[in-house]
């Protein structure tokens, strides 16, 4: 095969991979903003339901675009193993970023469902604030691990998740033994900590995809 043709094909594939990276960069920023807005609104009040829903929908659409682009690159350029690994990881990372948006949307619906912003968040506030801060840190670390291809940082996200799980399970036990007078507040609290725990799990999954993208080795047993 003509060497010039091979080089041209490679440049076209590289251009497509850059397009994938650009889509993921857009998703990273939007996912971070979406989760942060939902947590802040839950703790401090404010109605972000419509905005978070729009952002969540946008993240899902971007995830679809990543999948479509990945299929196009595979079909047109027959990428080699390393490129295929990058493409596969990109699809998985985009899924986790879209799930950040979905769970943020779920959090934003809670106060709206239970008397909207008129219900003051008191029960479990400190736990939710701590879980929110730790979860945001895991999101940012997993995204930084992806952007910098940092295996050590990705592995730390897996370790941080153990602390989130411990806080979550301890709070469930405390809530069963010390429920608030308001059933609405209890339901809102339990749903919120569950959504935060799931967001943290997806940060772990994202980090696992980063490690796979770099090493080619699947990660199991983190959670």
N, C-alpha and C. Protein backbone atom coordinates (compact mmCIF):
# COMPACT_ATOMS: atom_id res chain seq x y z
N UNK A 1 0.84 -1.20 0.00
CA UNK A 1 0.00 0.00 0.00
C UNK A 1 0.87 1.25 0.00
N UNK A 2 0.46 2.25 -0.72
CA UNK A 2 1.22 3.48 -0.82
C UNK A 2 1.39 4.11 0.57
N UNK A 3 2.66 4.44 0.92
CA UNK A 3 2.95 5.01 2.24
C UNK A 3 2.23 6.33 2.44
N UNK A 4 2.09 7.11 1.39
CA UNK A 4 1.38 8.39 1.53
C UNK A 4 -0.08 8.18 1.89
N UNK A 5 -0.69 7.11 1.37
CA UNK A 5 -2.08 6.81 1.68
C UNK A 5 -2.22 6.42 3.15
N UNK A 6 -1.26 5.59 3.62
CA UNK A 6 -1.30 5.19 5.03
C UNK A 6 -1.18 6.40 5.94
N UNK A 7 -0.26 7.29 5.63
CA UNK A 7 -0.07 8.48 6.45
C UNK A 7 -1.31 9.36 6.43
N UNK A 8 -1.94 9.47 5.26
CA UNK A 8 -3.15 10.28 5.14
C UNK A 8 -4.26 9.70 5.99
N UNK A 9 -4.42 8.34 5.91
CA UNK A 9 -5.44 7.68 6.71
C UNK A 9 -5.19 7.88 8.20
N UNK A 10 -3.92 7.80 8.59
CA UNK A 10 -3.57 7.99 10.00
C UNK A 10 -3.93 9.39 10.47
N UNK A 11 -3.64 10.38 9.65
CA UNK A 11 -3.98 11.75 10.03
C UNK A 11 -5.49 11.94 10.15
N UNK A 12 -6.24 11.29 9.28
CA UNK A 12 -7.69 11.38 9.35
C UNK A 12 -8.20 10.72 10.63
N UNK A 13 -7.64 9.57 11.00
CA UNK A 13 -8.02 8.91 12.23
C UNK A 13 -7.67 9.78 13.43
N UNK A 14 -6.47 10.36 13.41
CA UNK A 14 -6.07 11.23 14.51
C UNK A 14 -7.01 12.41 14.65
N UNK A 15 -7.46 12.96 13.53
CA UNK A 15 -8.41 14.05 13.57
C UNK A 15 -9.72 13.61 14.23
N UNK A 16 -10.16 12.40 13.90
CA UNK A 16 -11.37 11.87 14.52
C UNK A 16 -11.20 11.63 16.00
N UNK A 17 -10.04 11.14 16.41
CA UNK A 17 -9.77 10.93 17.83
C UNK A 17 -9.74 12.26 18.58
N UNK A 18 -9.23 13.28 17.92
CA UNK A 18 -9.25 14.62 18.52
C UNK A 18 -10.68 15.12 18.69
N UNK A 19 -11.54 14.79 17.74
CA UNK A 19 -12.95 15.16 17.86
C UNK A 19 -13.58 14.48 19.07
N UNK A 20 -13.25 13.21 19.28
CA UNK A 20 -13.74 12.50 20.46
C UNK A 20 -13.27 13.19 21.75
N UNK A 21 -12.01 13.55 21.78
CA UNK A 21 -11.45 14.21 22.96
C UNK A 21 -12.15 15.54 23.22
N UNK A 22 -12.46 16.29 22.16
CA UNK A 22 -13.16 17.57 22.32
C UNK A 22 -14.55 17.36 22.90
N UNK A 23 -15.25 16.34 22.45
CA UNK A 23 -16.58 16.03 22.99
C UNK A 23 -16.48 15.68 24.47
N UNK A 24 -15.49 14.89 24.83
CA UNK A 24 -15.33 14.52 26.23
C UNK A 24 -14.95 15.71 27.09
N UNK A 25 -14.14 16.61 26.56
CA UNK A 25 -13.79 17.83 27.30
C UNK A 25 -15.04 18.66 27.60
N UNK A 26 -15.91 18.78 26.61
CA UNK A 26 -17.17 19.51 26.83
C UNK A 26 -18.00 18.82 27.90
N UNK A 27 -18.05 17.50 27.87
CA UNK A 27 -18.83 16.75 28.84
C UNK A 27 -18.24 16.89 30.25
N UNK A 28 -16.91 16.89 30.35
CA UNK A 28 -16.27 16.99 31.66
C UNK A 28 -16.68 18.27 32.38
N UNK A 29 -16.60 19.39 31.70
CA UNK A 29 -16.96 20.66 32.32
C UNK A 29 -18.44 20.71 32.67
N UNK A 30 -19.27 20.27 31.75
CA UNK A 30 -20.71 20.34 31.98
C UNK A 30 -21.13 19.41 33.11
N UNK A 31 -20.55 18.22 33.17
CA UNK A 31 -20.90 17.27 34.23
C UNK A 31 -20.52 17.83 35.60
N UNK A 32 -19.35 18.43 35.70
CA UNK A 32 -18.91 19.03 36.96
C UNK A 32 -19.86 20.13 37.40
N UNK A 33 -20.21 21.02 36.49
CA UNK A 33 -21.12 22.12 36.81
C UNK A 33 -22.50 21.61 37.21
N UNK A 34 -22.96 20.56 36.55
CA UNK A 34 -24.30 20.04 36.80
C UNK A 34 -24.41 19.44 38.20
N UNK A 35 -23.46 18.61 38.56
CA UNK A 35 -23.48 18.00 39.89
C UNK A 35 -23.32 19.07 40.97
N UNK A 36 -22.40 19.99 40.77
CA UNK A 36 -22.17 21.04 41.75
C UNK A 36 -23.43 21.88 41.98
N UNK A 37 -24.12 22.23 40.91
CA UNK A 37 -25.33 23.05 41.02
C UNK A 37 -26.42 22.32 41.79
N UNK A 38 -26.57 21.03 41.55
CA UNK A 38 -27.64 20.28 42.22
C UNK A 38 -27.36 20.14 43.72
N UNK A 39 -26.09 19.90 44.08
CA UNK A 39 -25.74 19.77 45.49
C UNK A 39 -25.93 21.10 46.21
N UNK A 40 -25.44 22.17 45.61
CA UNK A 40 -25.55 23.49 46.22
C UNK A 40 -27.01 23.88 46.42
N UNK A 41 -27.84 23.61 45.43
CA UNK A 41 -29.25 23.97 45.53
C UNK A 41 -29.94 23.16 46.62
N UNK A 42 -29.57 21.90 46.76
CA UNK A 42 -30.20 21.07 47.80
C UNK A 42 -29.85 21.60 49.18
N UNK A 43 -28.61 22.00 49.38
CA UNK A 43 -28.16 22.44 50.70
C UNK A 43 -28.54 23.88 51.01
N UNK A 44 -28.53 24.73 50.01
CA UNK A 44 -28.70 26.16 50.25
C UNK A 44 -30.02 26.72 49.75
N UNK A 45 -30.79 25.90 49.05
CA UNK A 45 -32.05 26.39 48.50
C UNK A 45 -31.85 26.90 47.09
N UNK A 46 -32.96 27.13 46.43
CA UNK A 46 -32.92 27.59 45.05
C UNK A 46 -33.48 26.54 44.13
N UNK A 47 -34.04 26.96 43.05
CA UNK A 47 -34.67 26.05 42.10
C UNK A 47 -33.83 25.97 40.84
N UNK A 48 -33.10 24.86 40.70
CA UNK A 48 -32.25 24.66 39.52
C UNK A 48 -32.78 23.52 38.67
N UNK A 49 -33.99 23.10 38.93
CA UNK A 49 -34.54 21.92 38.28
C UNK A 49 -34.48 22.02 36.76
N UNK A 50 -34.96 23.12 36.20
CA UNK A 50 -35.02 23.26 34.74
C UNK A 50 -33.62 23.30 34.15
N UNK A 51 -32.72 24.07 34.78
CA UNK A 51 -31.36 24.18 34.27
C UNK A 51 -30.63 22.84 34.31
N UNK A 52 -30.74 22.15 35.45
CA UNK A 52 -30.05 20.87 35.59
C UNK A 52 -30.62 19.84 34.62
N UNK A 53 -31.93 19.88 34.41
CA UNK A 53 -32.53 18.96 33.44
C UNK A 53 -31.99 19.22 32.04
N UNK A 54 -31.85 20.48 31.67
CA UNK A 54 -31.31 20.82 30.36
C UNK A 54 -29.86 20.35 30.23
N UNK A 55 -29.08 20.57 31.27
CA UNK A 55 -27.68 20.13 31.24
C UNK A 55 -27.59 18.61 31.16
N UNK A 56 -28.45 17.94 31.93
CA UNK A 56 -28.45 16.48 31.90
C UNK A 56 -28.80 15.96 30.50
N UNK A 57 -29.79 16.58 29.88
CA UNK A 57 -30.16 16.19 28.50
C UNK A 57 -29.01 16.43 27.54
N UNK A 58 -28.31 17.54 27.72
CA UNK A 58 -27.17 17.84 26.85
C UNK A 58 -26.07 16.80 27.02
N UNK A 59 -25.81 16.39 28.26
CA UNK A 59 -24.79 15.37 28.50
C UNK A 59 -25.18 14.05 27.83
N UNK A 60 -26.44 13.70 27.90
CA UNK A 60 -26.88 12.47 27.23
C UNK A 60 -26.69 12.58 25.72
N UNK A 61 -27.03 13.73 25.15
CA UNK A 61 -26.86 13.93 23.71
C UNK A 61 -25.39 13.87 23.31
N UNK A 62 -24.52 14.43 24.14
CA UNK A 62 -23.09 14.38 23.85
C UNK A 62 -22.58 12.94 23.93
N UNK A 63 -23.09 12.19 24.89
CA UNK A 63 -22.74 10.77 24.99
C UNK A 63 -23.13 10.03 23.71
N UNK A 64 -24.30 10.34 23.19
CA UNK A 64 -24.73 9.73 21.92
C UNK A 64 -23.80 10.11 20.79
N UNK A 65 -23.38 11.38 20.77
CA UNK A 65 -22.45 11.82 19.72
C UNK A 65 -21.11 11.10 19.81
N UNK A 66 -20.64 10.87 21.02
CA UNK A 66 -19.39 10.12 21.20
C UNK A 66 -19.54 8.72 20.62
N UNK A 67 -20.65 8.06 20.92
CA UNK A 67 -20.88 6.72 20.38
C UNK A 67 -20.94 6.71 18.87
N UNK A 68 -21.65 7.68 18.30
CA UNK A 68 -21.76 7.76 16.84
C UNK A 68 -20.39 8.00 16.20
N UNK A 69 -19.60 8.89 16.80
CA UNK A 69 -18.28 9.19 16.27
C UNK A 69 -17.38 7.97 16.36
N UNK A 70 -17.48 7.24 17.47
CA UNK A 70 -16.65 6.05 17.65
C UNK A 70 -16.96 5.01 16.59
N UNK A 71 -18.23 4.78 16.32
CA UNK A 71 -18.61 3.81 15.29
C UNK A 71 -18.10 4.24 13.93
N UNK A 72 -18.19 5.54 13.65
CA UNK A 72 -17.70 6.06 12.37
C UNK A 72 -16.21 5.80 12.22
N UNK A 73 -15.43 6.05 13.27
CA UNK A 73 -13.98 5.87 13.20
C UNK A 73 -13.62 4.40 12.98
N UNK A 74 -14.33 3.52 13.67
CA UNK A 74 -14.05 2.09 13.51
C UNK A 74 -14.40 1.62 12.09
N UNK A 75 -15.55 2.08 11.60
CA UNK A 75 -16.01 1.65 10.28
C UNK A 75 -15.14 2.19 9.15
N UNK A 76 -14.66 3.40 9.28
CA UNK A 76 -13.95 4.04 8.18
C UNK A 76 -12.45 3.75 8.17
N UNK A 77 -11.83 3.63 9.35
CA UNK A 77 -10.37 3.61 9.39
C UNK A 77 -9.77 2.32 9.95
N UNK A 78 -10.58 1.40 10.43
CA UNK A 78 -10.07 0.14 10.97
C UNK A 78 -8.88 0.38 11.89
N UNK A 79 -9.08 1.06 13.00
CA UNK A 79 -7.97 1.42 13.90
C UNK A 79 -7.30 0.20 14.50
N UNK A 80 -6.02 0.38 14.83
CA UNK A 80 -5.24 -0.70 15.44
C UNK A 80 -5.62 -0.80 16.92
N UNK A 81 -5.02 -1.78 17.62
CA UNK A 81 -5.43 -2.13 18.98
C UNK A 81 -5.39 -0.93 19.93
N UNK A 82 -4.30 -0.17 19.88
CA UNK A 82 -4.17 0.97 20.79
C UNK A 82 -5.26 2.00 20.56
N UNK A 83 -5.54 2.29 19.29
CA UNK A 83 -6.60 3.25 18.98
C UNK A 83 -7.97 2.71 19.35
N UNK A 84 -8.17 1.41 19.14
CA UNK A 84 -9.45 0.80 19.53
C UNK A 84 -9.67 0.91 21.04
N UNK A 85 -8.60 0.73 21.79
CA UNK A 85 -8.70 0.84 23.25
C UNK A 85 -9.09 2.27 23.65
N UNK A 86 -8.51 3.24 22.99
CA UNK A 86 -8.85 4.63 23.26
C UNK A 86 -10.31 4.91 22.92
N UNK A 87 -10.76 4.39 21.80
CA UNK A 87 -12.15 4.60 21.38
C UNK A 87 -13.12 3.95 22.36
N UNK A 88 -12.83 2.71 22.75
CA UNK A 88 -13.68 2.00 23.71
C UNK A 88 -13.75 2.75 25.04
N UNK A 89 -12.60 3.19 25.52
CA UNK A 89 -12.56 3.92 26.78
C UNK A 89 -13.33 5.24 26.68
N UNK A 90 -13.25 5.89 25.53
CA UNK A 90 -13.97 7.15 25.34
C UNK A 90 -15.48 6.96 25.46
N UNK A 91 -15.97 5.86 24.89
CA UNK A 91 -17.40 5.57 24.99
C UNK A 91 -17.80 5.35 26.45
N UNK A 92 -16.99 4.58 27.17
CA UNK A 92 -17.31 4.29 28.56
C UNK A 92 -17.22 5.54 29.44
N UNK A 93 -16.22 6.37 29.19
CA UNK A 93 -16.08 7.60 29.96
C UNK A 93 -17.25 8.53 29.70
N UNK A 94 -17.68 8.63 28.45
CA UNK A 94 -18.81 9.50 28.13
C UNK A 94 -20.08 9.00 28.81
N UNK A 95 -20.22 7.68 28.94
CA UNK A 95 -21.39 7.14 29.65
C UNK A 95 -21.37 7.57 31.11
N UNK A 96 -20.22 7.43 31.77
CA UNK A 96 -20.14 7.83 33.18
C UNK A 96 -20.41 9.31 33.36
N UNK A 97 -19.90 10.13 32.45
CA UNK A 97 -20.17 11.57 32.53
C UNK A 97 -21.65 11.87 32.35
N UNK A 98 -22.31 11.12 31.49
CA UNK A 98 -23.75 11.33 31.30
C UNK A 98 -24.52 10.90 32.54
N UNK A 99 -24.02 9.87 33.24
CA UNK A 99 -24.69 9.43 34.47
C UNK A 99 -24.52 10.44 35.59
N UNK A 100 -23.40 11.15 35.61
CA UNK A 100 -23.27 12.26 36.56
C UNK A 100 -24.46 13.21 36.39
N UNK A 101 -24.74 13.54 35.14
CA UNK A 101 -25.84 14.45 34.86
C UNK A 101 -27.18 13.89 35.27
N UNK A 102 -27.39 12.60 35.03
CA UNK A 102 -28.67 12.00 35.37
C UNK A 102 -28.91 12.01 36.88
N UNK A 103 -27.90 11.65 37.67
CA UNK A 103 -28.07 11.65 39.12
C UNK A 103 -28.17 13.06 39.68
N UNK A 104 -27.49 14.00 39.06
CA UNK A 104 -27.65 15.40 39.47
C UNK A 104 -29.08 15.86 39.23
N UNK A 105 -29.63 15.45 38.11
CA UNK A 105 -31.04 15.76 37.81
C UNK A 105 -31.96 15.13 38.86
N UNK A 106 -31.67 13.89 39.24
CA UNK A 106 -32.48 13.23 40.26
C UNK A 106 -32.44 14.00 41.58
N UNK A 107 -31.25 14.48 41.95
CA UNK A 107 -31.14 15.28 43.18
C UNK A 107 -31.96 16.55 43.08
N UNK A 108 -31.92 17.19 41.92
CA UNK A 108 -32.64 18.46 41.75
C UNK A 108 -34.15 18.29 41.82
N UNK A 109 -34.62 17.07 41.57
CA UNK A 109 -36.07 16.84 41.62
C UNK A 109 -36.58 16.61 43.03
N UNK A 110 -35.68 16.29 43.96
CA UNK A 110 -36.13 15.85 45.29
C UNK A 110 -36.89 16.93 46.04
N UNK A 111 -36.27 18.11 46.18
CA UNK A 111 -36.98 19.18 46.89
C UNK A 111 -38.21 19.63 46.12
N UNK A 112 -38.12 19.57 44.81
CA UNK A 112 -39.28 19.95 43.99
C UNK A 112 -40.45 19.00 44.26
N UNK A 113 -40.15 17.72 44.39
CA UNK A 113 -41.20 16.74 44.66
C UNK A 113 -41.76 16.88 46.07
N UNK A 114 -40.89 17.17 47.03
CA UNK A 114 -41.31 17.27 48.41
C UNK A 114 -41.41 18.73 48.84
N UNK A 115 -42.47 19.37 48.40
CA UNK A 115 -42.78 20.75 48.79
C UNK A 115 -41.78 21.78 48.29
N UNK A 116 -41.04 21.42 47.27
CA UNK A 116 -40.15 22.39 46.63
C UNK A 116 -39.15 22.97 47.59
N UNK A 117 -38.76 24.21 47.36
CA UNK A 117 -37.74 24.85 48.19
C UNK A 117 -38.29 25.32 49.52
N UNK A 118 -39.57 25.09 49.78
CA UNK A 118 -40.14 25.51 51.07
C UNK A 118 -39.68 24.60 52.21
N UNK A 119 -39.26 23.39 51.89
CA UNK A 119 -38.79 22.47 52.91
C UNK A 119 -37.33 22.75 53.23
N UNK A 120 -37.07 23.11 54.46
CA UNK A 120 -35.69 23.38 54.85
C UNK A 120 -34.95 22.06 55.06
N UNK A 121 -33.75 22.00 54.55
CA UNK A 121 -32.94 20.79 54.71
C UNK A 121 -32.19 20.89 56.03
N UNK A 122 -32.59 20.10 57.00
CA UNK A 122 -31.93 20.08 58.30
C UNK A 122 -31.41 18.69 58.61
N UNK A 123 -32.28 17.70 58.50
CA UNK A 123 -31.88 16.34 58.82
C UNK A 123 -30.83 15.84 57.82
N UNK A 124 -29.71 15.38 58.36
CA UNK A 124 -28.65 14.84 57.52
C UNK A 124 -27.85 15.87 56.75
N UNK A 125 -28.03 17.13 57.07
CA UNK A 125 -27.38 18.20 56.29
C UNK A 125 -25.85 18.05 56.30
N UNK A 126 -25.28 17.80 57.48
CA UNK A 126 -23.82 17.70 57.58
C UNK A 126 -23.30 16.52 56.76
N UNK A 127 -24.03 15.41 56.79
CA UNK A 127 -23.60 14.23 56.04
C UNK A 127 -23.67 14.49 54.55
N UNK A 128 -24.77 15.11 54.10
CA UNK A 128 -24.92 15.40 52.68
C UNK A 128 -23.86 16.41 52.23
N UNK A 129 -23.57 17.39 53.09
CA UNK A 129 -22.54 18.37 52.74
C UNK A 129 -21.18 17.69 52.60
N UNK A 130 -20.88 16.77 53.52
CA UNK A 130 -19.59 16.07 53.46
C UNK A 130 -19.54 15.15 52.25
N UNK A 131 -20.60 14.38 52.02
CA UNK A 131 -20.62 13.50 50.86
C UNK A 131 -20.55 14.29 49.57
N UNK A 132 -21.24 15.44 49.54
CA UNK A 132 -21.21 16.28 48.35
C UNK A 132 -19.81 16.78 48.05
N UNK A 133 -19.12 17.22 49.09
CA UNK A 133 -17.75 17.73 48.91
C UNK A 133 -16.81 16.62 48.45
N UNK A 134 -16.92 15.45 49.07
CA UNK A 134 -16.05 14.34 48.70
C UNK A 134 -16.37 13.83 47.29
N UNK A 135 -17.64 13.80 46.96
CA UNK A 135 -18.04 13.33 45.63
C UNK A 135 -17.53 14.28 44.55
N UNK A 136 -17.66 15.58 44.79
CA UNK A 136 -17.14 16.55 43.83
C UNK A 136 -15.63 16.40 43.66
N UNK A 137 -14.94 16.12 44.76
CA UNK A 137 -13.49 15.92 44.68
C UNK A 137 -13.17 14.70 43.83
N UNK A 138 -13.96 13.63 43.98
CA UNK A 138 -13.74 12.42 43.18
C UNK A 138 -14.01 12.68 41.70
N UNK A 139 -15.05 13.45 41.41
CA UNK A 139 -15.35 13.79 40.01
C UNK A 139 -14.18 14.54 39.40
N UNK A 140 -13.71 15.56 40.10
CA UNK A 140 -12.62 16.37 39.58
C UNK A 140 -11.34 15.55 39.43
N UNK A 141 -11.09 14.66 40.37
CA UNK A 141 -9.88 13.82 40.30
C UNK A 141 -9.96 12.84 39.13
N UNK A 142 -11.14 12.24 38.93
CA UNK A 142 -11.28 11.29 37.83
C UNK A 142 -11.12 11.99 36.49
N UNK A 143 -11.66 13.20 36.38
CA UNK A 143 -11.52 13.96 35.14
C UNK A 143 -10.07 14.39 34.93
N UNK A 144 -9.41 14.81 36.00
CA UNK A 144 -8.00 15.19 35.88
C UNK A 144 -7.16 13.97 35.50
N UNK A 145 -7.48 12.81 36.06
CA UNK A 145 -6.76 11.58 35.71
C UNK A 145 -6.90 11.29 34.23
N UNK A 146 -8.11 11.50 33.71
CA UNK A 146 -8.34 11.29 32.28
C UNK A 146 -7.53 12.29 31.44
N UNK A 147 -7.58 13.54 31.82
CA UNK A 147 -6.92 14.57 31.01
C UNK A 147 -5.40 14.47 31.06
N UNK A 148 -4.86 14.04 32.19
CA UNK A 148 -3.40 13.97 32.35
C UNK A 148 -2.87 12.55 32.19
N UNK A 149 -3.78 11.57 31.99
CA UNK A 149 -3.38 10.16 31.87
C UNK A 149 -2.55 9.73 33.08
N UNK A 150 -3.09 10.05 34.26
CA UNK A 150 -2.39 9.81 35.52
C UNK A 150 -2.97 8.57 36.21
N UNK A 151 -2.24 7.47 36.16
CA UNK A 151 -2.73 6.22 36.74
C UNK A 151 -2.86 6.33 38.26
N UNK A 152 -1.87 6.95 38.91
CA UNK A 152 -1.91 7.05 40.37
C UNK A 152 -3.14 7.83 40.84
N UNK A 153 -3.46 8.89 40.15
CA UNK A 153 -4.62 9.69 40.53
C UNK A 153 -5.91 8.89 40.31
N UNK A 154 -5.95 8.14 39.22
CA UNK A 154 -7.12 7.30 38.95
C UNK A 154 -7.28 6.24 40.05
N UNK A 155 -6.19 5.66 40.49
CA UNK A 155 -6.26 4.64 41.54
C UNK A 155 -6.72 5.25 42.86
N UNK A 156 -6.34 6.49 43.13
CA UNK A 156 -6.75 7.14 44.37
C UNK A 156 -8.27 7.34 44.43
N UNK A 157 -8.89 7.56 43.27
CA UNK A 157 -10.34 7.71 43.24
C UNK A 157 -11.01 6.43 43.75
N UNK A 158 -10.46 5.29 43.39
CA UNK A 158 -10.98 4.03 43.88
C UNK A 158 -10.87 3.92 45.39
N UNK A 159 -9.78 4.40 45.95
CA UNK A 159 -9.61 4.39 47.40
C UNK A 159 -10.57 5.35 48.08
N UNK A 160 -10.76 6.52 47.48
CA UNK A 160 -11.67 7.51 48.07
C UNK A 160 -13.10 7.00 48.13
N UNK A 161 -13.46 6.14 47.19
CA UNK A 161 -14.83 5.62 47.16
C UNK A 161 -15.13 4.78 48.39
N UNK A 162 -14.15 4.15 48.96
CA UNK A 162 -14.37 3.35 50.16
C UNK A 162 -14.85 4.23 51.31
N UNK A 163 -14.35 5.45 51.38
CA UNK A 163 -14.78 6.37 52.42
C UNK A 163 -16.21 6.83 52.19
N UNK A 164 -16.55 7.06 50.93
CA UNK A 164 -17.92 7.44 50.61
C UNK A 164 -18.88 6.32 51.01
N UNK A 165 -18.52 5.08 50.68
CA UNK A 165 -19.37 3.94 51.03
C UNK A 165 -19.56 3.83 52.54
N UNK A 166 -18.50 4.07 53.28
CA UNK A 166 -18.58 3.98 54.74
C UNK A 166 -19.51 5.06 55.30
N UNK A 167 -19.37 6.27 54.80
CA UNK A 167 -20.25 7.36 55.25
C UNK A 167 -21.70 7.03 54.92
N UNK A 168 -21.92 6.54 53.72
CA UNK A 168 -23.27 6.22 53.26
C UNK A 168 -23.92 5.14 54.13
N UNK A 169 -23.22 4.05 54.36
CA UNK A 169 -23.78 2.95 55.13
C UNK A 169 -23.99 3.34 56.59
N UNK A 170 -23.06 4.10 57.15
CA UNK A 170 -23.23 4.56 58.53
C UNK A 170 -24.44 5.48 58.66
N UNK A 171 -24.66 6.31 57.65
CA UNK A 171 -25.79 7.22 57.71
C UNK A 171 -27.11 6.46 57.58
N UNK A 172 -27.15 5.43 56.74
CA UNK A 172 -28.36 4.62 56.63
C UNK A 172 -28.70 3.99 57.98
N UNK A 173 -27.69 3.48 58.66
CA UNK A 173 -27.92 2.88 59.97
C UNK A 173 -28.41 3.93 60.97
N UNK A 174 -27.78 5.09 60.96
CA UNK A 174 -28.19 6.17 61.87
C UNK A 174 -29.63 6.60 61.58
N UNK A 175 -29.98 6.68 60.30
CA UNK A 175 -31.32 7.12 59.93
C UNK A 175 -32.38 6.12 60.38
N UNK A 176 -32.05 4.84 60.33
CA UNK A 176 -32.99 3.81 60.78
C UNK A 176 -33.21 3.89 62.29
N UNK A 177 -32.17 4.26 63.00
CA UNK A 177 -32.25 4.32 64.46
C UNK A 177 -32.72 5.67 64.97
N UNK A 178 -32.53 6.73 64.17
CA UNK A 178 -32.89 8.09 64.60
C UNK A 178 -33.62 8.83 63.48
N UNK A 179 -34.78 8.35 63.08
CA UNK A 179 -35.49 9.00 61.97
C UNK A 179 -36.03 10.37 62.38
N UNK A 180 -36.14 11.28 61.43
CA UNK A 180 -36.73 12.59 61.74
C UNK A 180 -38.25 12.46 61.89
N UNK A 181 -38.87 13.51 62.41
CA UNK A 181 -40.33 13.49 62.55
C UNK A 181 -41.01 13.53 61.19
N UNK A 182 -40.40 14.20 60.24
CA UNK A 182 -40.98 14.35 58.91
C UNK A 182 -40.57 13.18 58.01
N UNK A 183 -41.56 12.44 57.55
CA UNK A 183 -41.26 11.35 56.62
C UNK A 183 -40.73 11.89 55.30
N UNK A 184 -41.22 13.05 54.87
CA UNK A 184 -40.73 13.66 53.63
C UNK A 184 -39.25 13.96 53.73
N UNK A 185 -38.84 14.47 54.89
CA UNK A 185 -37.42 14.80 55.06
C UNK A 185 -36.57 13.55 55.05
N UNK A 186 -37.06 12.47 55.66
CA UNK A 186 -36.31 11.22 55.67
C UNK A 186 -36.14 10.68 54.25
N UNK A 187 -37.21 10.67 53.48
CA UNK A 187 -37.14 10.16 52.11
C UNK A 187 -36.20 11.01 51.27
N UNK A 188 -36.32 12.33 51.39
CA UNK A 188 -35.45 13.23 50.63
C UNK A 188 -33.99 12.99 50.97
N UNK A 189 -33.72 12.82 52.26
CA UNK A 189 -32.35 12.60 52.72
C UNK A 189 -31.78 11.30 52.17
N UNK A 190 -32.53 10.21 52.31
CA UNK A 190 -32.03 8.90 51.88
C UNK A 190 -31.82 8.86 50.37
N UNK A 191 -32.75 9.44 49.63
CA UNK A 191 -32.59 9.47 48.18
C UNK A 191 -31.34 10.26 47.78
N UNK A 192 -31.11 11.39 48.45
CA UNK A 192 -29.98 12.24 48.08
C UNK A 192 -28.65 11.55 48.36
N UNK A 193 -28.50 10.95 49.54
CA UNK A 193 -27.22 10.28 49.83
C UNK A 193 -27.01 9.08 48.90
N UNK A 194 -28.10 8.45 48.50
CA UNK A 194 -27.98 7.33 47.55
C UNK A 194 -27.50 7.84 46.19
N UNK A 195 -28.05 8.95 45.72
CA UNK A 195 -27.62 9.49 44.43
C UNK A 195 -26.15 9.92 44.48
N UNK A 196 -25.74 10.50 45.60
CA UNK A 196 -24.33 10.89 45.73
C UNK A 196 -23.42 9.67 45.73
N UNK A 197 -23.86 8.61 46.40
CA UNK A 197 -23.07 7.38 46.40
C UNK A 197 -22.94 6.80 45.00
N UNK A 198 -23.99 6.89 44.21
CA UNK A 198 -23.93 6.38 42.84
C UNK A 198 -23.04 7.26 41.95
N UNK A 199 -23.08 8.56 42.16
CA UNK A 199 -22.19 9.45 41.41
C UNK A 199 -20.74 9.07 41.70
N UNK A 200 -20.44 8.83 42.97
CA UNK A 200 -19.08 8.43 43.34
C UNK A 200 -18.69 7.12 42.65
N UNK A 201 -19.63 6.18 42.57
CA UNK A 201 -19.35 4.92 41.87
C UNK A 201 -18.99 5.16 40.40
N UNK A 202 -19.68 6.08 39.77
CA UNK A 202 -19.37 6.36 38.36
C UNK A 202 -18.04 7.08 38.21
N UNK A 203 -17.63 7.84 39.22
CA UNK A 203 -16.28 8.42 39.19
C UNK A 203 -15.24 7.32 39.23
N UNK A 204 -15.52 6.26 40.00
CA UNK A 204 -14.63 5.09 40.04
C UNK A 204 -14.60 4.40 38.68
N UNK A 205 -15.77 4.23 38.08
CA UNK A 205 -15.83 3.59 36.76
C UNK A 205 -15.06 4.40 35.72
N UNK A 206 -15.19 5.71 35.79
CA UNK A 206 -14.46 6.57 34.86
C UNK A 206 -12.96 6.38 35.04
N UNK A 207 -12.53 6.35 36.30
CA UNK A 207 -11.11 6.17 36.58
C UNK A 207 -10.62 4.81 36.11
N UNK A 208 -11.46 3.80 36.25
CA UNK A 208 -11.11 2.47 35.77
C UNK A 208 -10.91 2.47 34.26
N UNK A 209 -11.76 3.22 33.56
CA UNK A 209 -11.62 3.33 32.10
C UNK A 209 -10.33 4.05 31.73
N UNK A 210 -9.92 5.01 32.54
CA UNK A 210 -8.66 5.71 32.30
C UNK A 210 -7.49 4.73 32.39
N UNK A 211 -7.51 3.90 33.43
CA UNK A 211 -6.43 2.93 33.60
C UNK A 211 -6.41 1.93 32.45
N UNK A 212 -7.60 1.49 32.04
CA UNK A 212 -7.68 0.58 30.89
C UNK A 212 -7.15 1.24 29.62
N UNK A 213 -7.49 2.51 29.43
CA UNK A 213 -7.05 3.24 28.25
C UNK A 213 -5.52 3.33 28.19
N UNK A 214 -4.89 3.46 29.35
CA UNK A 214 -3.44 3.62 29.40
C UNK A 214 -2.73 2.28 29.34
N UNK A 215 -3.23 1.29 30.08
CA UNK A 215 -2.51 0.03 30.25
C UNK A 215 -3.07 -1.12 29.42
N UNK A 216 -4.34 -1.02 29.05
CA UNK A 216 -4.98 -2.12 28.35
C UNK A 216 -5.47 -3.21 29.26
N UNK A 217 -5.34 -3.01 30.58
CA UNK A 217 -5.74 -4.01 31.54
C UNK A 217 -7.04 -3.59 32.23
N UNK A 218 -8.07 -4.44 32.18
CA UNK A 218 -9.32 -4.11 32.86
C UNK A 218 -9.13 -4.14 34.37
N UNK A 219 -9.83 -3.25 35.06
CA UNK A 219 -9.74 -3.16 36.53
C UNK A 219 -11.00 -3.76 37.12
N UNK A 220 -10.82 -4.65 38.09
CA UNK A 220 -11.97 -5.24 38.76
C UNK A 220 -11.70 -5.27 40.26
N UNK A 221 -12.78 -5.38 41.03
CA UNK A 221 -12.63 -5.50 42.47
C UNK A 221 -12.56 -4.20 43.22
N UNK A 222 -12.76 -3.08 42.52
CA UNK A 222 -12.72 -1.80 43.24
C UNK A 222 -13.94 -1.61 44.12
N UNK A 223 -15.08 -2.12 43.69
CA UNK A 223 -16.28 -1.95 44.49
C UNK A 223 -17.25 -3.08 44.20
